[in-house]
C-alpha atoms as a PDB file:
ATOM      1  CA  UNK A   1      -0.031  49.465  34.420  1.00  0.00           C
ATOM      2  CA  UNK A   2       3.683  49.033  33.106  1.00  0.00           C
ATOM      3  CA  UNK A   3       5.115  49.941  29.449  1.00  0.00           C
ATOM      4  CA  UNK A   4       6.902  46.893  28.538  1.00  0.00           C
ATOM      5  CA  UNK A   5      10.148  47.698  27.567  1.00  0.00           C
ATOM      6  CA  UNK A   6      10.985  48.457  23.750  1.00  0.00           C
ATOM      7  CA  UNK A   7      13.411  45.870  24.114  1.00  0.00           C
ATOM      8  CA  UNK A   8      10.328  43.074  23.804  1.00  0.00           C
ATOM      9  CA  UNK A   9       9.047  44.677  21.307  1.00  0.00           C
ATOM     10  CA  UNK A  10      10.581  42.623  18.409  1.00  0.00           C
ATOM     11  CA  UNK A  11      10.074  39.856  19.848  1.00  0.00           C
ATOM     12  CA  UNK A  12       6.310  39.932  20.425  1.00  0.00           C
ATOM     13  CA  UNK A  13       5.584  42.387  16.774  1.00  0.00           C
ATOM     14  CA  UNK A  14       7.403  38.891  15.416  1.00  0.00           C
ATOM     15  CA  UNK A  15       5.279  36.112  17.227  1.00  0.00           C
ATOM     16  CA  UNK A  16       2.246  38.587  16.292  1.00  0.00           C
ATOM     17  CA  UNK A  17       3.565  38.187  12.481  1.00  0.00           C
ATOM     18  CA  UNK A  18       3.901  34.689  13.126  1.00  0.00           C
ATOM     19  CA  UNK A  19       0.484  34.342  14.366  1.00  0.00           C
ATOM     20  CA  UNK A  20      -1.308  35.515  11.636  1.00  0.00           C
ATOM     21  CA  UNK A  21       1.078  33.860   8.769  1.00  0.00           C
ATOM     22  CA  UNK A  22       0.517  30.666  10.436  1.00  0.00           C
ATOM     23  CA  UNK A  23      -3.267  31.333  10.486  1.00  0.00           C
ATOM     24  CA  UNK A  24      -3.337  32.819   6.713  1.00  0.00           C
ATOM     25  CA  UNK A  25      -1.060  28.994   6.010  1.00  0.00           C
ATOM     26  CA  UNK A  26      -4.069  27.363   7.856  1.00  0.00           C
ATOM     27  CA  UNK A  27      -7.220  29.525   6.006  1.00  0.00           C
ATOM     28  CA  UNK A  28      -5.286  28.724   2.754  1.00  0.00           C
ATOM     29  CA  UNK A  29      -4.835  24.910   3.694  1.00  0.00           C
ATOM     30  CA  UNK A  30      -8.859  25.093   4.102  1.00  0.00           C
ATOM     31  CA  UNK A  31      -9.995  26.921   0.972  1.00  0.00           C
ATOM     32  CA  UNK A  32      -7.314  25.087  -1.269  1.00  0.00           C
ATOM     33  CA  UNK A  33      -9.007  21.354   0.598  1.00  0.00           C
ATOM     34  CA  UNK A  34     -12.322  22.276   0.114  1.00  0.00           C
ATOM     35  CA  UNK A  35     -11.721  23.781  -3.440  1.00  0.00           C
ATOM     36  CA  UNK A  36      -9.936  20.160  -4.041  1.00  0.00           C
ATOM     37  CA  UNK A  37     -13.136  18.470  -2.602  1.00  0.00           C
ATOM     38  CA  UNK A  38     -15.623  20.036  -5.111  1.00  0.00           C
ATOM     39  CA  UNK A  39     -13.278  19.430  -8.373  1.00  0.00           C
ATOM     40  CA  UNK A  40     -13.631  16.382  -7.536  1.00  0.00           C
ATOM     41  CA  UNK A  41     -16.880  15.677  -6.979  1.00  0.00           C
ATOM     42  CA  UNK A  42     -17.620  17.260 -10.107  1.00  0.00           C
ATOM     43  CA  UNK A  43     -15.107  14.413 -11.913  1.00  0.00           C
ATOM     44  CA  UNK A  44     -17.220  11.681 -10.226  1.00  0.00           C
ATOM     45  CA  UNK A  45     -20.244  13.362 -11.598  1.00  0.00           C
ATOM     46  CA  UNK A  46     -18.310  13.848 -15.205  1.00  0.00           C
ATOM     47  CA  UNK A  47     -17.619  10.261 -14.867  1.00  0.00           C
ATOM     48  CA  UNK A  48     -21.009   9.058 -13.412  1.00  0.00           C
ATOM     49  CA  UNK A  49     -18.662   7.244 -10.660  1.00  0.00           C
ATOM     50  CA  UNK A  50     -20.415   5.875  -7.709  1.00  0.00           C
ATOM     51  CA  UNK A  51     -18.821   6.410  -3.876  1.00  0.00           C
ATOM     52  CA  UNK A  52     -20.119   4.238  -1.867  1.00  0.00           C
ATOM     53  CA  UNK A  53     -19.972   5.656   1.948  1.00  0.00           C
ATOM     54  CA  UNK A  54     -22.649   2.078   3.294  1.00  0.00           C
ATOM     55  CA  UNK A  55     -20.302   2.056   6.298  1.00  0.00           C
ATOM     56  CA  UNK A  56     -21.285   5.431   7.348  1.00  0.00           C
ATOM     57  CA  UNK A  57     -24.383   5.502   5.875  1.00  0.00           C
ATOM     58  CA  UNK A  58     -25.533   2.438   8.861  1.00  0.00           C
ATOM     59  CA  UNK A  59     -24.660   4.474  11.184  1.00  0.00           C
ATOM     60  CA  UNK A  60     -27.092   7.210  13.836  1.00  0.00           C
ATOM     61  CA  UNK A  61     -26.984  10.887  12.998  1.00  0.00           C
ATOM     62  CA  UNK A  62     -25.096  11.480  16.517  1.00  0.00           C
ATOM     63  CA  UNK A  63     -22.312   8.666  15.586  1.00  0.00           C
ATOM     64  CA  UNK A  64     -21.899  10.023  11.771  1.00  0.00           C
ATOM     65  CA  UNK A  65     -20.967  13.112  13.864  1.00  0.00           C
ATOM     66  CA  UNK A  66     -19.112  11.563  16.275  1.00  0.00           C
ATOM     67  CA  UNK A  67     -16.875   9.590  13.209  1.00  0.00           C
ATOM     68  CA  UNK A  68     -16.124  12.433  11.016  1.00  0.00           C
ATOM     69  CA  UNK A  69     -15.509  14.966  12.925  1.00  0.00           C
ATOM     70  CA  UNK A  70     -13.221  13.563  15.852  1.00  0.00           C
ATOM     71  CA  UNK A  71     -13.025   9.621  15.128  1.00  0.00           C
ATOM     72  CA  UNK A  72     -11.783   9.831  11.596  1.00  0.00           C
ATOM     73  CA  UNK A  73      -9.453  13.457  11.923  1.00  0.00           C
ATOM     74  CA  UNK A  74      -7.533  12.041  14.828  1.00  0.00           C
ATOM     75  CA  UNK A  75      -7.321   8.334  13.794  1.00  0.00           C
ATOM     76  CA  UNK A  76      -6.143   9.008  10.474  1.00  0.00           C
ATOM     77  CA  UNK A  77      -3.512  12.234  11.748  1.00  0.00           C
ATOM     78  CA  UNK A  78      -2.129   9.293  13.874  1.00  0.00           C
ATOM     79  CA  UNK A  79      -1.499   6.670  11.049  1.00  0.00           C
ATOM     80  CA  UNK A  80      -1.341   8.570   8.436  1.00  0.00           C
ATOM     81  CA  UNK A  81       0.473  11.813   8.810  1.00  0.00           C
ATOM     82  CA  UNK A  82       2.094  11.657  12.903  1.00  0.00           C
ATOM     83  CA  UNK A  83       3.439   7.681  11.906  1.00  0.00           C
ATOM     84  CA  UNK A  84       4.373   8.065   8.568  1.00  0.00           C
ATOM     85  CA  UNK A  85       6.292  11.899   8.609  1.00  0.00           C
ATOM     86  CA  UNK A  86       8.190  10.753  11.813  1.00  0.00           C
ATOM     87  CA  UNK A  87       9.512   7.516  10.610  1.00  0.00           C
ATOM     88  CA  UNK A  88      10.337   9.366   7.725  1.00  0.00           C
ATOM     89  CA  UNK A  89      11.792  11.847   9.579  1.00  0.00           C
ATOM     90  CA  UNK A  90      13.576   9.644  11.198  1.00  0.00           C
ATOM     91  CA  UNK A  91      15.746   7.935   8.456  1.00  0.00           C
ATOM     92  CA  UNK A  92      15.851  10.901   6.026  1.00  0.00           C
ATOM     93  CA  UNK A  93      15.296  14.950   6.182  1.00  0.00           C
ATOM     94  CA  UNK A  94      13.740  15.351   2.907  1.00  0.00           C
ATOM     95  CA  UNK A  95      10.152  16.483   3.825  1.00  0.00           C
ATOM     96  CA  UNK A  96       8.809  15.945   0.290  1.00  0.00           C
ATOM     97  CA  UNK A  97       9.669  11.818   0.930  1.00  0.00           C
ATOM     98  CA  UNK A  98       7.629  12.161   4.137  1.00  0.00           C
ATOM     99  CA  UNK A  99       4.298  14.824   2.173  1.00  0.00           C
ATOM    100  CA  UNK A 100       4.598  11.768  -0.474  1.00  0.00           C
ATOM    101  CA  UNK A 101       4.980   9.132   2.084  1.00  0.00           C
ATOM    102  CA  UNK A 102       1.944   9.992   4.106  1.00  0.00           C
ATOM    103  CA  UNK A 103      -0.229  11.644   0.612  1.00  0.00           C
ATOM    104  CA  UNK A 104      -0.196   7.393  -0.425  1.00  0.00           C
ATOM    105  CA  UNK A 105      -1.309   5.649   2.342  1.00  0.00           C
ATOM    106  CA  UNK A 106      -4.087   8.784   3.289  1.00  0.00           C
ATOM    107  CA  UNK A 107      -5.229   8.405  -0.695  1.00  0.00           C
ATOM    108  CA  UNK A 108      -4.118   4.417  -0.102  1.00  0.00           C
ATOM    109  CA  UNK A 109      -7.596   3.955   2.408  1.00  0.00           C
ATOM    110  CA  UNK A 110      -9.764   5.796   1.470  1.00  0.00           C
ATOM    111  CA  UNK A 111     -10.263   3.560  -2.563  1.00  0.00           C
ATOM    112  CA  UNK A 112     -13.653   4.540  -2.668  1.00  0.00           C
ATOM    113  CA  UNK A 113     -13.125   4.980  -6.144  1.00  0.00           C
ATOM    114  CA  UNK A 114     -10.181   6.270  -8.610  1.00  0.00           C
ATOM    115  CA  UNK A 115     -11.069   9.763  -8.696  1.00  0.00           C
ATOM    116  CA  UNK A 116     -11.506  10.124  -4.969  1.00  0.00           C
ATOM    117  CA  UNK A 117      -7.928   8.222  -4.336  1.00  0.00           C
ATOM    118  CA  UNK A 118      -7.154  11.106  -6.272  1.00  0.00           C
ATOM    119  CA  UNK A 119      -8.722  13.901  -4.352  1.00  0.00           C
ATOM    120  CA  UNK A 120      -7.571  12.053  -0.866  1.00  0.00           C
ATOM    121  CA  UNK A 121      -4.177  12.050  -1.972  1.00  0.00           C
ATOM    122  CA  UNK A 122      -3.946  16.196  -2.655  1.00  0.00           C
ATOM    123  CA  UNK A 123      -5.873  16.302   0.098  1.00  0.00           C
ATOM    124  CA  UNK A 124      -3.413  13.878   2.090  1.00  0.00           C
ATOM    125  CA  UNK A 125      -0.254  16.502   0.602  1.00  0.00           C
ATOM    126  CA  UNK A 126      -2.236  19.118   1.705  1.00  0.00           C
ATOM    127  CA  UNK A 127      -2.574  17.593   5.066  1.00  0.00           C
ATOM    128  CA  UNK A 128       1.060  16.372   5.871  1.00  0.00           C
ATOM    129  CA  UNK A 129       1.987  20.126   4.388  1.00  0.00           C
ATOM    130  CA  UNK A 130       0.486  21.127   7.279  1.00  0.00           C
ATOM    131  CA  UNK A 131       1.746  19.035   9.102  1.00  0.00           C
ATOM    132  CA  UNK A 132       5.213  19.839   8.763  1.00  0.00           C
ATOM    133  CA  UNK A 133       4.719  23.708   8.505  1.00  0.00           C
ATOM    134  CA  UNK A 134       2.976  23.581  11.972  1.00  0.00           C
ATOM    135  CA  UNK A 135       5.849  21.434  13.718  1.00  0.00           C
ATOM    136  CA  UNK A 136       8.314  23.985  11.961  1.00  0.00           C
ATOM    137  CA  UNK A 137       6.519  27.345  14.005  1.00  0.00           C
ATOM    138  CA  UNK A 138       5.921  25.204  17.209  1.00  0.00           C
ATOM    139  CA  UNK A 139       2.320  25.155  16.759  1.00  0.00           C
ATOM    140  CA  UNK A 140       0.802  21.848  17.993  1.00  0.00           C
ATOM    141  CA  UNK A 141       1.173  19.849  14.253  1.00  0.00           C
ATOM    142  CA  UNK A 142      -0.623  16.747  15.625  1.00  0.00           C
ATOM    143  CA  UNK A 143      -4.279  18.626  17.040  1.00  0.00           C
ATOM    144  CA  UNK A 144      -3.204  21.647  13.682  1.00  0.00           C
ATOM    145  CA  UNK A 145      -3.772  18.720  11.231  1.00  0.00           C
ATOM    146  CA  UNK A 146      -6.603  17.116  13.195  1.00  0.00           C
ATOM    147  CA  UNK A 147      -8.633  20.570  13.295  1.00  0.00           C
ATOM    148  CA  UNK A 148      -8.088  20.811   9.677  1.00  0.00           C
ATOM    149  CA  UNK A 149      -9.321  17.928   8.809  1.00  0.00           C
ATOM    150  CA  UNK A 150     -12.619  17.864  11.062  1.00  0.00           C
ATOM    151  CA  UNK A 151     -13.664  21.368   9.446  1.00  0.00           C
ATOM    152  CA  UNK A 152     -13.096  19.645   6.166  1.00  0.00           C
ATOM    153  CA  UNK A 153     -15.373  16.724   7.091  1.00  0.00           C
ATOM    154  CA  UNK A 154     -17.449  19.338   8.124  1.00  0.00           C
ATOM    155  CA  UNK A 155     -17.543  21.344   5.763  1.00  0.00           C
ATOM    156  CA  UNK A 156     -18.280  18.310   3.534  1.00  0.00           C
ATOM    157  CA  UNK A 157     -21.240  17.194   5.740  1.00  0.00           C
ATOM    158  CA  UNK A 158     -23.118  20.175   5.708  1.00  0.00           C
ATOM    159  CA  UNK A 159     -22.542  21.346   2.019  1.00  0.00           C
ATOM    160  CA  UNK A 160     -21.370  18.561   0.030  1.00  0.00           C
ATOM    161  CA  UNK A 161     -23.679  15.907  -1.767  1.00  0.00           C
END
């Protein structure tokens, strides 16, 4: 096997370190999202607030899983991360504004109760941050964000009441 010359070593090392950092940030975003969900679920129980999932509960289990793991992450990534962020980037390069607009829109469509809106606002911040980070490091921001959303939904579906 032919050995790579030393002139390629810094490129490969930087790429591997960049991938490790990307995986670390992705994992931290997922963990923070899950902790955010637990905290606000606790608040929902503390204040005895209802979360109305009637539309989803009317679907059969297979359709629920498809909606939770594929439909919602893809649809919501298009309309609440990709499009708002691209629109803000067109008019301004301010990442904070892009994150805020995206998070506000994401929270607005999850209006089951005020506590749930706060939870999804923070979740929207996390998703928008990850989108912009993945875009910066050229790691498929759309699919990275949709994957995080799908994994979060899967965790909630399997482990949260």
